[in-house]
Amino acid sequence: MSTISFDSLPPGTLYPWSGPVPAGWLPCDGRALPRFKFPALHRAVGNTYGDAGVLDFKIPDMRGRYPENGEWTEAHKYIIKT
């Protein structure tokens, strides 16, 4: 069985997480981001999660969303690869 490196996941990947957000990832909190600062993420998600103007785009807001199966606490969150 092969494993996938966490760092090799493509931009736009959503991942359930607990603990501090690792480098290269952002919490899925619906914020607007500048397209020029996160070009790979913008190419991956575009305006899927809302248009924030000419220079910005939004990432998904997954706060309060939980996986259907498994244990989940308030300490858990979703993160998105930048």
Protein backbone atom coordinates (compact mmCIF):
# COMPACT_ATOMS: atom_id res chain seq x y z
CA MET A 1 0.00 0.00 0.00
CA SER A 2 1.41 3.39 -0.91
CA THR A 3 0.93 6.54 1.08
CA ILE A 4 0.51 10.10 -0.10
CA SER A 5 2.71 12.80 1.35
CA PHE A 6 0.71 15.51 3.10
CA ASP A 7 2.90 18.10 1.34
CA SER A 8 2.24 16.58 -2.09
CA LEU A 9 -1.52 17.22 -1.98
CA PRO A 10 -2.62 19.72 -4.66
CA PRO A 11 -3.79 23.28 -3.94
CA GLY A 12 -7.48 23.41 -3.08
CA THR A 13 -7.44 20.12 -1.16
CA LEU A 14 -9.73 20.23 1.90
CA TYR A 15 -8.56 18.22 4.90
CA PRO A 16 -9.97 17.67 8.40
CA TRP A 17 -7.43 18.79 10.98
CA SER A 18 -6.85 19.20 14.69
CA GLY A 19 -4.15 21.43 16.12
CA PRO A 20 -2.21 24.37 14.75
CA VAL A 21 -2.66 24.93 11.02
CA PRO A 22 0.51 23.76 9.23
CA ALA A 23 2.53 25.95 6.88
CA GLY A 24 1.12 25.95 3.36
CA TRP A 25 -2.46 25.51 4.61
CA LEU A 26 -5.21 27.89 5.78
CA PRO A 27 -8.28 27.33 7.95
CA CYS A 28 -11.48 27.07 5.91
CA ASP A 29 -13.08 30.18 7.40
CA GLY A 30 -14.54 31.85 4.31
CA ARG A 31 -12.01 34.66 4.16
CA ALA A 32 -11.16 36.59 1.00
CA LEU A 33 -7.61 36.20 -0.30
CA PRO A 34 -5.64 38.19 -2.87
CA ARG A 35 -5.33 36.34 -6.17
CA PHE A 36 -1.76 37.52 -6.71
CA LYS A 37 -0.61 36.09 -3.35
CA PHE A 38 -2.28 32.67 -3.78
CA PRO A 39 -2.30 32.04 -7.56
CA ALA A 40 -2.22 28.22 -7.37
CA LEU A 41 -5.12 28.14 -4.92
CA HIS A 42 -7.08 30.62 -7.03
CA ARG A 43 -6.51 28.47 -10.14
CA ALA A 44 -7.80 25.46 -8.19
CA VAL A 45 -10.96 26.98 -6.69
CA GLY A 46 -11.64 30.12 -8.75
CA ASN A 47 -14.84 31.79 -7.54
CA THR A 48 -16.45 28.53 -6.41
CA TYR A 49 -16.87 29.85 -2.87
CA GLY A 50 -17.88 33.38 -3.79
CA ASP A 51 -16.50 36.34 -5.68
CA ALA A 52 -14.68 38.89 -3.56
CA GLY A 53 -14.05 41.49 -6.24
CA VAL A 54 -11.57 41.87 -9.06
CA LEU A 55 -8.42 41.19 -7.04
CA ASP A 56 -9.65 38.67 -4.45
CA PHE A 57 -11.38 35.30 -4.16
CA LYS A 58 -12.92 33.40 -1.26
CA ILE A 59 -12.06 30.09 0.32
CA PRO A 60 -14.79 27.82 1.71
CA ASP A 61 -16.31 28.47 5.11
CA MET A 62 -16.39 25.07 6.79
CA ARG A 63 -16.77 26.33 10.35
CA GLY A 64 -19.35 24.27 12.18
CA ARG A 65 -19.30 21.51 9.55
CA TYR A 66 -18.44 18.01 10.62
CA PRO A 67 -17.76 14.76 8.80
CA GLU A 68 -20.68 12.37 8.68
CA ASN A 69 -18.77 9.58 10.39
CA GLY A 70 -16.15 9.71 13.09
CA GLU A 71 -15.47 11.61 16.23
CA TRP A 72 -15.22 15.37 15.96
CA THR A 73 -14.77 18.08 18.56
CA GLU A 74 -14.63 21.86 18.52
CA ALA A 75 -10.83 21.53 18.34
CA HIS A 76 -11.16 20.03 14.86
CA LYS A 77 -11.43 22.13 11.73
CA TYR A 78 -11.07 21.89 7.99
CA ILE A 79 -8.00 23.30 6.30
CA ILE A 80 -7.29 24.03 2.63
CA LYS A 81 -3.96 23.60 0.83
CA THR A 82 -2.61 26.85 -0.61
